[in-house]
Amino acid sequence: MKKIIALCSVWAGITGIGGVKNADAAHFDPTTGRVTLDAVSVGTTDYYGVQVGIGQVLRYTTLPPVSTVDVFDPATGQLTIRSLTVGGVRYTNIVVTLQAVYGVTGAGMTAAANPVLPNDVLFSDQWHLRNTGQAGRTGVAGLAGDDLNAARAWNLATGKGIQIAILDDGLDIYHEDLRTVPGKSWDYRVNAYGDPSSGLGNHGTACGGLAAAIGNNGKGVVGVNWNVKLMPLKFLGSDGSGSTADAAEAIIYGVDNGAKVLSNSWGGGDASQVLQDAIQYAQDRGVLFIAASGNDSKNTDSSPNYPSNYAVPNVVSVASNDASDNLSSFSNFGRRTVDLSAPGSSIYSTRPLSRYQRLSGTSMATPHVAGAAALVMARYPSIASHQVIVRLLGGVDRKSAFIGKMVSGGRLNVFNAMSTNPLIALTTDWSNTTNTSGPYVVSTSVVDDQSVASVRLIYTLNGAGGDTLNMTPGTRDSYSANIPGQALNTTINYMVLATDNAGNRTLGPTYSFKISNEPDPGDGGGCCGQSAMAMGNLHGPAKYAVELPLNLAFFLLPLVLVRRWRKKK
């Protein structure tokens, strides 16, 4: 029986990540007792996206930090955190012992150590791209670092001529800050080529800007992807209504005319076989379908939202979060049916007639993911669509507000999604079971910029003995292994460790379930046993930004999708 990897060997075994010298402050989550570190220096190597459990706080100050990075000393097992704000109090030069390392994203790259800051005049108000805790025009400050990490991603790629189709109420193709595909647009309201900016397309114009407003042009805002081409496909009216038949035709048109990503900030109505078949048409041709999870504050595992709930592999369902990494009050969620979160509260974007606006909704979160998907494609031109999804989900920043409420348990991090280290996603999230005979099959997906050398499943039984299993490769970058059956009242914790051909290693999050008649807690894993951080009176509740009001000038979501079939002449 192999032992669980020792803490120091995890640090020492993850290589090839250098130069991250300008990390933001660490973040403490009082509900889990974990600290997330943007970058940690270990000897001559830096590690990115590290989540740890704190054992004991040895000392701290409130003086200016003495270091520009967080530092781990393998000889003593001590971690020095340069700055950490807890309960509204900022602590510095904090020396702690580590209880455990729960995950290392392994996404740091020397070329991307420093952020790229475009000259767009409203960029400083776009907290979702670079969150410094600024209040800006919203008047509500968030938490520094709770953003898409786009500024670092732009050091790797700013996009190429990949096409994103915006299925919506139209788009202002003459906007100063948008670039569209010449001659490729369709107005399904009249079933003919037409000017998709007719009716101005306020909602669609905003969505287009979030995915792909032109970057570094000295105007307005910037999109996640600076150089993508937008294909406006209008099937919704100004009142937000449309038909499933028109939506299906728009999907097929977009796929047939070169779109690689379909952005869908709309939803409503019952399941439709016609619409599902159109999404499958996109899946069969390697086109991603990014969909808003909805604005009903409901669990889509039990109350489906369409089209985000269609069980087609290319569907990515997106929730919304605010500037403090809280799930937006309006956002839907679902442990099994929502994939990840992206910023959607109080977001600046484009408005018709070369103007700009601030909106909220899962409609705003969705095009961020669409733009990020196209950016990953620009970084890795030969990548398959399912690999893009693994990168998007495997690179998230996991936070307590999202764990157990979505598949990835995290918020989109664009920089992490372009990692040169292994990325792990879609690991089986077991619920409690009464099955004592087993096996408990665990599947996962792993991608790398080169090749994956090995994938292992590490598990423990009741926090003690366990094993390390080699995971068998399957199709489409999948791997699986079987945990043998266990007696009642056994708690199984498990995680995936992936190694690439260069020796770089990534340790995925911890998942947990119990062989028991007890109801499943629904916590989504990644949970177990760490003590809360003790430092002064740090056990108080977190101080989050006040709830941002929804801008209801447009329905945002749900856009009422009326199942009316257009009469054929």
Protein backbone atom coordinates (compact mmCIF):
# COMPACT_ATOMS: atom_id res chain seq x y z
CA MET A 1 0.00 0.00 0.00
CA LYS A 2 1.47 3.32 -1.05
CA LYS A 3 1.50 6.22 1.34
CA ILE A 4 -0.12 9.54 0.61
CA ILE A 5 2.37 12.01 -0.80
CA ALA A 6 4.07 14.01 1.93
CA LEU A 7 3.51 17.72 1.95
CA CYS A 8 7.09 18.67 1.06
CA SER A 9 7.23 16.15 -1.77
CA VAL A 10 4.17 17.79 -3.32
CA TRP A 11 6.00 21.10 -3.33
CA ALA A 12 9.25 19.62 -4.57
CA GLY A 13 7.66 17.49 -7.26
CA ILE A 14 5.83 20.27 -9.09
CA THR A 15 8.27 21.95 -11.41
CA GLY A 16 8.50 24.26 -14.36
CA ILE A 17 6.67 27.28 -12.94
CA GLY A 18 8.81 30.33 -12.64
CA GLY A 19 8.89 34.08 -12.42
CA VAL A 20 5.60 34.92 -10.69
CA LYS A 21 6.93 37.80 -8.63
CA ASN A 22 4.02 40.22 -8.48
CA ALA A 23 1.30 38.19 -6.81
CA ASP A 24 -1.70 39.84 -5.20
CA ALA A 25 -2.58 39.31 -1.55
CA ALA A 26 -3.62 35.89 -0.28
CA HIS A 27 -7.28 35.14 0.44
CA PHE A 28 -8.64 33.44 3.57
CA ASP A 29 -11.97 31.61 3.48
CA PRO A 30 -13.38 31.37 7.04
CA THR A 31 -15.97 28.75 6.04
CA THR A 32 -13.32 26.22 4.99
CA GLY A 33 -10.26 27.44 6.87
CA ARG A 34 -8.29 27.52 3.65
CA VAL A 35 -5.96 30.16 2.28
CA THR A 36 -5.58 30.63 -1.47
CA LEU A 37 -2.20 32.00 -2.56
CA ASP A 38 -1.74 33.51 -6.01
CA ALA A 39 1.96 32.64 -6.02
CA VAL A 40 4.37 30.90 -3.65
CA SER A 41 8.15 30.85 -3.95
CA VAL A 42 9.84 27.56 -2.97
CA GLY A 43 13.59 27.73 -3.39
CA THR A 44 14.20 28.93 -6.94
CA THR A 45 10.75 27.94 -8.21
CA ASP A 46 7.42 29.73 -8.01
CA TYR A 47 4.01 28.02 -7.91
CA TYR A 48 0.73 29.52 -9.00
CA GLY A 49 -2.80 29.08 -7.65
CA VAL A 50 -1.98 27.27 -4.39
CA GLN A 51 -4.72 26.36 -1.90
CA VAL A 52 -3.58 25.36 1.60
CA GLY A 53 -4.90 24.54 5.04
CA ILE A 54 -3.27 26.40 7.94
CA GLY A 55 -1.99 24.46 10.93
CA GLN A 56 -0.66 27.01 13.43
CA VAL A 57 -0.05 30.74 13.20
CA LEU A 58 3.42 31.40 14.63
CA ARG A 59 3.67 35.18 14.28
CA TYR A 60 2.45 38.15 12.27
CA THR A 61 2.66 41.95 12.08
CA THR A 62 0.70 44.86 10.66
CA LEU A 63 3.85 46.47 9.26
CA PRO A 64 4.53 46.74 5.50
CA PRO A 65 5.37 43.37 3.95
CA VAL A 66 9.07 42.56 3.89
CA SER A 67 8.74 40.37 0.78
CA THR A 68 7.07 40.74 -2.61
CA VAL A 69 6.01 37.07 -2.67
CA ASP A 70 4.79 34.37 -0.32
CA VAL A 71 7.59 31.93 0.60
CA PHE A 72 7.53 28.29 1.71
CA ASP A 73 10.57 26.76 3.44
CA PRO A 74 10.62 22.95 2.97
CA ALA A 75 13.26 22.58 5.70
CA THR A 76 11.02 24.00 8.43
CA GLY A 77 7.60 23.40 6.87
CA GLN A 78 6.80 27.07 7.46
CA LEU A 79 4.97 29.38 5.05
CA THR A 80 5.43 33.15 5.17
CA ILE A 81 2.43 35.03 3.76
CA ARG A 82 3.25 38.62 2.89
CA SER A 83 -0.27 40.02 3.27
CA LEU A 84 -3.72 38.72 4.22
CA THR A 85 -6.94 40.53 5.04
CA VAL A 86 -9.38 38.74 7.36
CA GLY A 87 -12.52 40.22 8.86
CA GLY A 88 -11.57 43.64 7.52
CA VAL A 89 -8.14 43.62 9.23
CA ARG A 90 -4.95 43.45 7.17
CA TYR A 91 -2.15 41.26 8.57
CA THR A 92 1.37 41.09 7.13
CA ASN A 93 4.54 38.99 7.38
CA ILE A 94 2.48 36.05 8.67
CA VAL A 95 4.45 32.89 9.48
CA VAL A 96 2.38 29.69 9.69
CA THR A 97 2.75 25.95 9.57
CA LEU A 98 0.87 24.06 6.88
CA GLN A 99 -1.72 21.42 7.59
CA ALA A 100 -2.19 20.37 3.98
CA VAL A 101 -1.90 21.44 0.37
CA TYR A 102 -5.32 21.01 -1.26
CA GLY A 103 -4.49 22.03 -4.77
CA VAL A 104 -1.82 23.59 -6.98
CA THR A 105 -3.13 24.91 -10.26
CA GLY A 106 0.35 24.87 -11.73
CA ALA A 107 -0.45 27.64 -14.17
CA GLY A 108 2.42 30.03 -13.60
CA MET A 109 4.53 30.89 -16.65
CA THR A 110 7.52 33.21 -16.76
CA ALA A 111 6.26 35.12 -19.81
CA ALA A 112 3.02 35.90 -18.01
CA ALA A 113 4.41 37.02 -14.67
CA ASN A 114 3.38 40.63 -15.18
CA PRO A 115 -0.09 41.82 -16.20
CA VAL A 116 -0.79 43.53 -19.50
CA LEU A 117 -2.86 46.66 -18.90
CA PRO A 118 -4.66 48.01 -21.99
CA ASN A 119 -5.29 51.73 -22.54
CA ASP A 120 -9.08 51.45 -22.91
CA VAL A 121 -10.53 54.38 -20.96
CA LEU A 122 -13.03 52.32 -18.91
CA PHE A 123 -10.70 49.41 -18.18
CA SER A 124 -10.12 50.57 -14.60
CA ASP A 125 -13.86 50.17 -13.96
CA GLN A 126 -13.92 46.61 -15.31
CA TRP A 127 -13.30 44.87 -11.99
CA HIS A 128 -14.07 41.52 -13.58
CA LEU A 129 -10.89 41.73 -15.65
CA ARG A 130 -8.59 43.18 -12.97
CA ASN A 131 -9.96 43.53 -9.45
CA THR A 132 -7.86 45.78 -7.23
CA GLY A 133 -10.68 46.32 -4.75
CA GLN A 134 -11.66 49.46 -6.66
CA ALA A 135 -15.12 50.94 -6.18
CA GLY A 136 -15.00 52.78 -9.52
CA ARG A 137 -18.27 53.79 -11.11
CA THR A 138 -20.18 51.04 -9.30
CA GLY A 139 -19.54 52.60 -5.89
CA VAL A 140 -19.09 49.12 -4.38
CA ALA A 141 -15.60 47.80 -3.67
CA GLY A 142 -14.80 44.13 -4.11
CA LEU A 143 -11.87 41.99 -3.01
CA ALA A 144 -8.54 42.37 -4.78
CA GLY A 145 -7.71 39.39 -6.95
CA ASP A 146 -11.28 38.11 -7.25
CA ASP A 147 -11.33 38.45 -11.03
CA LEU A 148 -10.76 36.60 -14.30
CA ASN A 149 -6.98 37.10 -14.11
CA ALA A 150 -7.29 38.35 -17.68
CA ALA A 151 -4.44 40.84 -17.46
CA ARG A 152 -1.94 38.02 -16.97
CA ALA A 153 -3.59 35.91 -19.65
CA TRP A 154 -3.07 38.72 -22.17
CA ASN A 155 0.67 38.21 -21.79
CA LEU A 156 0.11 34.85 -23.46
CA ALA A 157 -2.58 35.67 -26.01
CA THR A 158 -4.98 38.46 -26.91
CA GLY A 159 -6.86 36.44 -29.50
CA LYS A 160 -6.88 35.78 -33.21
CA GLY A 161 -9.56 35.75 -35.88
CA ILE A 162 -11.67 33.06 -34.22
CA GLN A 163 -15.41 33.59 -34.66
CA ILE A 164 -17.87 33.80 -31.76
CA ALA A 165 -21.55 33.76 -32.64
CA ILE A 166 -23.74 35.94 -30.40
CA LEU A 167 -27.27 34.48 -30.45
CA ASP A 168 -29.38 37.32 -29.13
CA ASP A 169 -31.50 40.36 -30.04
CA GLY A 170 -29.00 41.73 -32.51
CA LEU A 171 -25.75 43.64 -32.21
CA ASP A 172 -24.61 47.10 -33.21
CA ILE A 173 -22.21 46.15 -36.01
CA TYR A 174 -21.10 49.79 -36.32
CA HIS A 175 -20.00 50.16 -32.70
CA GLU A 176 -16.54 51.74 -32.34
CA ASP A 177 -15.39 49.00 -29.99
CA LEU A 178 -16.63 45.86 -31.77
CA ARG A 179 -15.36 43.82 -34.72
CA THR A 180 -17.81 41.62 -36.62
CA VAL A 181 -17.53 39.03 -39.40
CA PRO A 182 -18.20 40.79 -42.74
CA GLY A 183 -21.22 39.40 -44.57
CA LYS A 184 -22.07 36.77 -41.95
CA SER A 185 -25.11 37.71 -39.93
CA TRP A 186 -28.71 36.66 -39.95
CA ASP A 187 -32.01 38.01 -38.72
CA TYR A 188 -34.25 35.07 -37.99
CA ARG A 189 -37.09 37.38 -37.09
CA VAL A 190 -37.61 37.93 -40.81
CA ASN A 191 -35.86 34.76 -41.99
CA ALA A 192 -33.48 36.66 -44.21
CA TYR A 193 -30.17 38.42 -44.27
CA GLY A 194 -30.59 41.70 -42.53
CA ASP A 195 -28.96 44.32 -40.38
CA PRO A 196 -28.67 42.62 -36.97
CA SER A 197 -28.34 46.02 -35.35
CA SER A 198 -31.93 46.81 -36.24
CA GLY A 199 -33.72 47.61 -33.00
CA LEU A 200 -30.23 48.46 -31.70
CA GLY A 201 -29.77 45.09 -29.95
CA ASN A 202 -28.92 46.50 -26.53
CA HIS A 203 -28.57 43.11 -24.86
CA GLY A 204 -26.65 41.47 -27.68
CA THR A 205 -24.34 44.47 -28.02
CA ALA A 206 -23.47 44.23 -24.32
CA CYS A 207 -22.78 40.50 -24.60
CA GLY A 208 -20.61 41.00 -27.65
CA GLY A 209 -18.52 43.60 -25.85
CA LEU A 210 -17.84 41.36 -22.87
CA ALA A 211 -16.57 38.57 -25.07
CA ALA A 212 -14.66 40.67 -27.55
CA ALA A 213 -14.55 44.46 -27.23
CA ILE A 214 -11.41 45.59 -29.05
CA GLY A 215 -8.48 45.90 -26.65
CA ASN A 216 -5.85 48.60 -26.37
CA ASN A 217 -7.57 50.97 -28.82
CA GLY A 218 -7.95 53.82 -26.35
CA LYS A 219 -11.74 53.56 -26.46
CA GLY A 220 -14.39 52.39 -24.04
CA VAL A 221 -14.03 48.91 -22.60
CA VAL A 222 -12.01 45.79 -23.36
CA GLY A 223 -13.28 42.26 -23.86
CA VAL A 224 -11.78 39.03 -22.59
CA ASN A 225 -10.64 38.44 -26.16
CA TRP A 226 -9.26 41.51 -27.99
CA ASN A 227 -9.17 40.22 -31.55
CA VAL A 228 -12.06 37.85 -32.01
CA LYS A 229 -14.65 38.32 -34.72
CA LEU A 230 -18.31 38.44 -33.71
CA MET A 231 -21.10 36.84 -35.72
CA PRO A 232 -24.44 38.41 -34.67
CA LEU A 233 -27.36 36.02 -35.04
CA LYS A 234 -30.61 37.75 -34.17
CA PHE A 235 -33.50 35.52 -33.20
CA LEU A 236 -34.89 37.50 -30.24
CA GLY A 237 -37.01 40.62 -30.45
CA SER A 238 -36.50 43.76 -28.39
CA ASP A 239 -38.94 42.31 -25.84
CA GLY A 240 -36.64 39.32 -25.34
CA SER A 241 -38.96 36.75 -26.92
CA GLY A 242 -38.14 34.29 -29.67
CA SER A 243 -38.82 30.75 -30.78
CA THR A 244 -36.95 27.49 -30.32
CA ALA A 245 -37.24 26.90 -34.07
CA ASP A 246 -35.43 30.17 -34.82
CA ALA A 247 -32.83 29.45 -32.13
CA ALA A 248 -32.12 26.06 -33.70
CA GLU A 249 -31.72 27.60 -37.15
CA ALA A 250 -29.38 30.25 -35.74
CA ILE A 251 -27.20 27.56 -34.15
CA ILE A 252 -26.91 25.61 -37.39
CA TYR A 253 -26.17 28.76 -39.39
CA GLY A 254 -23.43 29.78 -36.96
CA VAL A 255 -21.81 26.32 -37.10
CA ASP A 256 -21.99 26.14 -40.90
CA ASN A 257 -20.46 29.59 -41.29
CA GLY A 258 -17.37 29.13 -39.19
CA ALA A 259 -18.24 30.00 -35.60
CA LYS A 260 -16.17 27.99 -33.10
CA VAL A 261 -18.01 29.26 -30.03
CA LEU A 262 -21.73 29.98 -29.61
CA SER A 263 -22.57 32.45 -26.80
CA ASN A 264 -26.12 32.09 -25.47
CA SER A 265 -27.33 34.61 -22.89
CA TRP A 266 -30.95 33.54 -23.07
CA GLY A 267 -33.19 30.78 -21.79
CA GLY A 268 -36.62 29.65 -20.74
CA GLY A 269 -39.37 27.25 -21.71
CA ASP A 270 -39.44 23.48 -21.68
CA ALA A 271 -36.98 21.06 -23.23
CA SER A 272 -37.14 20.94 -27.02
CA GLN A 273 -35.87 18.05 -29.12
CA VAL A 274 -35.40 20.40 -32.07
CA LEU A 275 -33.16 22.68 -30.03
CA GLN A 276 -31.24 19.77 -28.49
CA ASP A 277 -30.65 18.32 -31.96
CA ALA A 278 -29.22 21.66 -33.11
CA ILE A 279 -26.85 21.74 -30.13
CA GLN A 280 -25.82 18.16 -30.92
CA TYR A 281 -25.17 19.33 -34.50
CA ALA A 282 -22.68 21.82 -33.05
CA GLN A 283 -21.16 19.15 -30.79
CA ASP A 284 -20.60 16.81 -33.74
CA ARG A 285 -18.65 19.58 -35.50
CA GLY A 286 -16.49 20.61 -32.55
CA VAL A 287 -18.32 23.85 -31.71
CA LEU A 288 -18.81 24.94 -28.09
CA PHE A 289 -22.21 26.01 -26.76
CA ILE A 290 -21.77 28.39 -23.80
CA ALA A 291 -25.08 29.02 -22.01
CA ALA A 292 -26.34 31.16 -19.14
CA SER A 293 -27.62 29.11 -16.20
CA GLY A 294 -30.46 31.60 -15.52
CA ASN A 295 -31.44 34.29 -13.05
CA ASP A 296 -34.01 32.51 -10.88
CA SER A 297 -31.84 31.79 -7.80
CA LYS A 298 -32.73 28.14 -8.20
CA ASN A 299 -30.99 24.77 -8.28
CA THR A 300 -31.02 23.58 -11.87
CA ASP A 301 -30.30 20.01 -10.74
CA SER A 302 -33.94 19.84 -9.67
CA SER A 303 -35.44 22.75 -11.66
CA PRO A 304 -33.94 22.57 -15.16
CA ASN A 305 -33.13 25.67 -17.16
CA TYR A 306 -32.88 25.35 -20.92
CA PRO A 307 -30.74 25.46 -22.99
CA SER A 308 -28.08 25.30 -20.26
CA ASN A 309 -29.41 21.96 -18.93
CA TYR A 310 -29.16 19.99 -22.16
CA ALA A 311 -26.93 16.95 -21.55
CA VAL A 312 -24.79 17.46 -24.64
CA PRO A 313 -21.00 17.42 -24.04
CA ASN A 314 -20.34 20.81 -25.67
CA VAL A 315 -22.74 22.67 -23.35
CA VAL A 316 -21.02 24.80 -20.68
CA SER A 317 -23.47 26.22 -18.13
CA VAL A 318 -22.39 29.48 -16.49
CA ALA A 319 -23.38 30.96 -13.12
CA SER A 320 -22.71 34.55 -12.00
CA ASN A 321 -20.60 35.97 -9.17
CA ASP A 322 -19.92 39.41 -7.74
CA ALA A 323 -16.67 41.30 -7.10
CA SER A 324 -16.08 39.47 -3.80
CA ASP A 325 -16.44 35.97 -5.25
CA ASN A 326 -19.93 35.49 -3.85
CA LEU A 327 -22.51 33.75 -5.99
CA SER A 328 -24.73 36.55 -7.30
CA SER A 329 -28.05 36.65 -5.47
CA PHE A 330 -29.99 36.12 -8.71
CA SER A 331 -27.83 33.33 -10.14
CA ASN A 332 -28.95 29.77 -10.65
CA PHE A 333 -26.62 27.01 -9.48
CA GLY A 334 -26.37 23.23 -9.65
CA ARG A 335 -23.82 20.77 -8.34
CA ARG A 336 -24.36 18.54 -11.40
CA THR A 337 -25.72 20.91 -14.04
CA VAL A 338 -23.85 24.23 -13.72
CA ASP A 339 -20.20 24.05 -14.72
CA LEU A 340 -18.51 27.20 -13.43
CA SER A 341 -19.06 30.80 -12.44
CA ALA A 342 -17.93 34.04 -14.08
CA PRO A 343 -18.41 37.69 -13.11
CA GLY A 344 -21.95 38.91 -13.77
CA SER A 345 -22.76 41.57 -11.16
CA SER A 346 -22.32 45.23 -12.11
CA ILE A 347 -20.36 44.72 -15.33
CA TYR A 348 -19.37 47.45 -17.80
CA SER A 349 -19.75 46.73 -21.50
CA THR A 350 -20.74 48.15 -24.85
CA ARG A 351 -24.06 49.80 -25.68
CA PRO A 352 -25.50 50.65 -29.12
CA LEU A 353 -24.43 53.88 -30.82
CA SER A 354 -20.87 53.57 -29.51
CA ARG A 355 -21.97 54.09 -25.93
CA TYR A 356 -21.33 52.02 -22.79
CA GLN A 357 -23.42 50.65 -19.93
CA ARG A 358 -23.39 48.69 -16.69
CA LEU A 359 -25.52 45.53 -16.41
CA SER A 360 -25.94 42.46 -14.20
CA GLY A 361 -27.08 38.91 -14.90
CA THR A 362 -25.89 35.47 -15.90
CA SER A 363 -26.22 36.99 -19.37
CA MET A 364 -23.13 39.02 -18.51
CA ALA A 365 -21.22 36.05 -17.10
CA THR A 366 -21.72 33.85 -20.17
CA PRO A 367 -19.80 35.86 -22.81
CA HIS A 368 -16.80 36.01 -20.47
CA VAL A 369 -16.56 32.24 -20.78
CA ALA A 370 -17.15 32.40 -24.53
CA GLY A 371 -14.34 34.94 -24.91
CA ALA A 372 -12.06 32.86 -22.71
CA ALA A 373 -12.76 29.73 -24.78
CA ALA A 374 -11.76 31.58 -27.95
CA LEU A 375 -8.63 32.88 -26.20
CA VAL A 376 -7.61 29.33 -25.28
CA MET A 377 -8.14 28.34 -28.91
CA ALA A 378 -5.87 31.18 -29.98
CA ARG A 379 -3.20 30.01 -27.54
CA TYR A 380 -3.53 26.37 -28.65
CA PRO A 381 -4.67 26.41 -32.32
CA SER A 382 -4.97 22.63 -32.69
CA ILE A 383 -6.94 22.10 -29.47
CA ALA A 384 -10.16 20.04 -29.53
CA SER A 385 -13.37 21.50 -28.15
CA HIS A 386 -13.58 19.03 -25.25
CA GLN A 387 -10.02 19.98 -24.27
CA VAL A 388 -11.05 23.63 -24.12
CA ILE A 389 -13.76 22.69 -21.62
CA VAL A 390 -11.26 20.79 -19.46
CA ARG A 391 -8.99 23.84 -19.48
CA LEU A 392 -11.80 26.22 -18.54
CA LEU A 393 -13.06 24.02 -15.70
CA GLY A 394 -9.66 22.76 -14.59
CA GLY A 395 -8.24 26.25 -14.24
CA VAL A 396 -10.93 27.77 -12.03
CA ASP A 397 -10.30 29.42 -8.68
CA ARG A 398 -12.18 27.14 -6.29
CA LYS A 399 -14.01 29.08 -3.60
CA SER A 400 -16.40 28.08 -0.81
CA ALA A 401 -19.25 30.03 -2.43
CA PHE A 402 -19.06 27.74 -5.46
CA ILE A 403 -18.01 24.35 -4.08
CA GLY A 404 -21.04 22.07 -4.04
CA LYS A 405 -23.00 24.47 -6.24
CA MET A 406 -21.34 23.74 -9.57
CA VAL A 407 -19.30 21.02 -11.24
CA SER A 408 -15.92 22.78 -11.06
CA GLY A 409 -16.54 24.45 -7.70
CA GLY A 410 -14.96 27.63 -8.96
CA ARG A 411 -14.83 30.90 -10.85
CA LEU A 412 -13.25 31.22 -14.30
CA ASN A 413 -9.55 32.10 -14.29
CA VAL A 414 -8.48 32.81 -17.88
CA PHE A 415 -4.76 32.73 -17.13
CA ASN A 416 -4.99 29.33 -15.45
CA ALA A 417 -6.91 27.94 -18.42
CA MET A 418 -3.82 28.44 -20.59
CA SER A 419 -1.47 26.57 -18.24
CA THR A 420 1.44 24.55 -19.59
CA ASN A 421 1.03 22.14 -16.67
CA PRO A 422 -1.60 19.39 -16.47
CA LEU A 423 -5.15 20.59 -15.88
CA ILE A 424 -7.67 18.30 -14.18
CA ALA A 425 -11.47 18.59 -14.52
CA LEU A 426 -14.74 16.67 -14.52
CA THR A 427 -13.62 14.33 -11.73
CA THR A 428 -16.45 12.12 -10.51
CA ASP A 429 -18.08 13.75 -7.49
CA TRP A 430 -19.43 10.83 -5.47
CA SER A 431 -22.41 11.26 -3.17
CA ASN A 432 -22.92 9.20 -0.02
CA THR A 433 -23.89 5.63 -0.83
CA THR A 434 -25.06 2.47 0.95
CA ASN A 435 -23.12 0.31 -1.54
CA THR A 436 -20.55 -1.68 0.43
CA SER A 437 -19.54 -4.02 -2.39
CA GLY A 438 -18.13 -1.38 -4.72
CA PRO A 439 -16.24 -0.64 -6.78
CA TYR A 440 -16.55 3.14 -6.66
CA VAL A 441 -15.56 4.21 -10.15
CA VAL A 442 -13.81 7.57 -10.34
CA SER A 443 -13.34 9.18 -13.75
CA THR A 444 -11.52 12.38 -14.60
CA SER A 445 -10.21 14.35 -17.58
CA VAL A 446 -6.66 15.66 -17.90
CA VAL A 447 -5.08 17.83 -20.59
CA ASP A 448 -1.60 19.23 -21.04
CA ASP A 449 0.19 21.43 -23.57
CA GLN A 450 2.34 18.42 -24.52
CA SER A 451 1.47 14.94 -23.25
CA VAL A 452 0.25 13.38 -20.02
CA ALA A 453 2.70 10.83 -18.58
CA SER A 454 0.58 9.47 -15.73
CA VAL A 455 -2.65 10.05 -13.82
CA ARG A 456 -3.07 8.61 -10.33
CA LEU A 457 -5.98 8.42 -7.93
CA ILE A 458 -5.00 8.95 -4.28
CA TYR A 459 -7.52 7.98 -1.61
CA THR A 460 -7.73 7.58 2.15
CA LEU A 461 -10.14 5.63 4.35
CA ASN A 462 -11.37 7.43 7.46
CA GLY A 463 -8.45 9.83 7.13
CA ALA A 464 -5.83 7.10 7.48
CA GLY A 465 -4.83 4.15 5.33
CA GLY A 466 -5.65 4.14 1.65
CA ASP A 467 -3.88 3.59 -1.64
CA THR A 468 -2.64 5.20 -4.84
CA LEU A 469 -4.08 3.75 -8.05
CA ASN A 470 -2.96 4.21 -11.62
CA MET A 471 -5.87 5.58 -13.63
CA THR A 472 -6.53 3.85 -16.96
CA PRO A 473 -6.69 6.14 -20.01
CA GLY A 474 -9.91 6.17 -22.03
CA THR A 475 -11.21 8.26 -24.90
CA ARG A 476 -11.17 12.05 -25.18
CA ASP A 477 -8.48 12.60 -22.51
CA SER A 478 -10.41 10.68 -19.85
CA TYR A 479 -8.99 8.42 -17.14
CA SER A 480 -10.61 6.10 -14.59
CA ALA A 481 -9.84 3.91 -11.58
CA ASN A 482 -11.85 1.79 -9.16
CA ILE A 483 -11.83 2.23 -5.39
CA PRO A 484 -12.76 -1.15 -3.85
CA GLY A 485 -15.90 -1.57 -1.74
CA GLN A 486 -15.77 -0.53 1.90
CA ALA A 487 -17.73 -1.17 5.09
CA LEU A 488 -20.52 1.06 6.34
CA ASN A 489 -19.43 4.26 8.07
CA THR A 490 -16.24 4.50 6.01
CA THR A 491 -15.40 7.97 4.76
CA ILE A 492 -13.43 8.03 1.52
CA ASN A 493 -11.41 11.10 0.56
CA TYR A 494 -9.85 11.11 -2.89
CA MET A 495 -7.94 13.34 -5.31
CA VAL A 496 -6.25 13.08 -8.69
CA LEU A 497 -2.53 13.64 -9.30
CA ALA A 498 -1.46 14.22 -12.92
CA THR A 499 2.10 14.33 -14.28
CA ASP A 500 3.13 15.41 -17.76
CA ASN A 501 6.08 14.32 -19.91
CA ALA A 502 8.20 17.20 -18.56
CA GLY A 503 7.66 16.10 -14.97
CA ASN A 504 5.23 18.90 -14.08
CA ARG A 505 2.58 17.75 -11.61
CA THR A 506 -0.86 19.02 -10.67
CA LEU A 507 -2.79 17.84 -7.63
CA GLY A 508 -6.54 18.21 -7.99
CA PRO A 509 -9.02 19.11 -5.25
CA THR A 510 -10.09 16.66 -2.57
CA TYR A 511 -13.50 14.99 -2.87
CA SER A 512 -15.25 13.11 -0.10
CA PHE A 513 -18.14 10.69 0.38
CA LYS A 514 -19.29 8.21 3.00
CA ILE A 515 -20.55 4.64 2.90
CA SER A 516 -23.59 5.41 4.99
CA ASN A 517 -27.35 5.74 5.22
CA GLU A 518 -26.85 9.39 6.12
CA PRO A 519 -28.17 11.88 3.55
CA ASP A 520 -25.51 13.35 1.33
CA PRO A 521 -24.41 16.82 2.50
CA GLY A 522 -24.15 17.98 -1.10
CA ASP A 523 -20.88 19.75 -0.44
CA GLY A 524 -19.26 18.77 -3.72
CA GLY A 525 -16.07 17.57 -2.08
CA GLY A 526 -12.88 19.46 -1.42
CA CYS A 527 -13.91 19.78 2.16
CA CYS A 528 -12.50 17.91 4.90
CA GLY A 529 -11.06 18.31 8.37
CA GLN A 530 -8.91 21.43 8.33
CA SER A 531 -9.11 23.71 11.35
CA ALA A 532 -10.16 27.33 11.06
CA MET A 533 -7.30 29.79 10.98
CA ALA A 534 -6.63 31.23 14.44
CA MET A 535 -5.24 34.77 14.38
CA GLY A 536 -6.60 37.35 16.78
CA ASN A 537 -10.37 37.32 16.37
CA LEU A 538 -10.31 35.89 12.86
CA HIS A 539 -13.27 33.58 13.44
CA GLY A 540 -15.80 36.35 12.74
CA PRO A 541 -17.98 36.32 9.63
CA ALA A 542 -16.52 37.52 6.37
CA LYS A 543 -17.29 41.10 5.38
CA TYR A 544 -18.56 41.02 1.84
CA ALA A 545 -19.66 43.82 -0.44
CA VAL A 546 -23.34 44.71 -0.29
CA GLU A 547 -25.62 43.09 -2.82
CA LEU A 548 -25.62 44.89 -6.14
CA PRO A 549 -29.06 45.73 -7.55
CA LEU A 550 -30.02 44.24 -10.88
CA ASN A 551 -30.26 46.55 -13.83
CA LEU A 552 -33.66 45.66 -15.23
CA ALA A 553 -33.61 48.00 -18.21
CA PHE A 554 -33.49 44.74 -20.16
CA PHE A 555 -34.69 41.37 -18.99
CA LEU A 556 -31.11 40.05 -19.09
CA LEU A 557 -32.20 36.58 -18.05
CA PRO A 558 -34.49 34.85 -18.24
CA LEU A 559 -35.32 36.12 -21.68
CA VAL A 560 -38.74 34.62 -22.20
CA LEU A 561 -38.29 32.06 -24.92
CA VAL A 562 -41.78 31.39 -26.19
CA ARG A 563 -42.15 28.13 -28.02
CA ARG A 564 -43.89 29.52 -31.05
CA TRP A 565 -43.22 27.87 -34.34
CA ARG A 566 -42.98 30.14 -37.34
CA LYS A 567 -45.54 29.21 -39.96
CA LYS A 568 -43.93 28.11 -43.16
CA LYS A 569 -45.23 29.67 -46.33
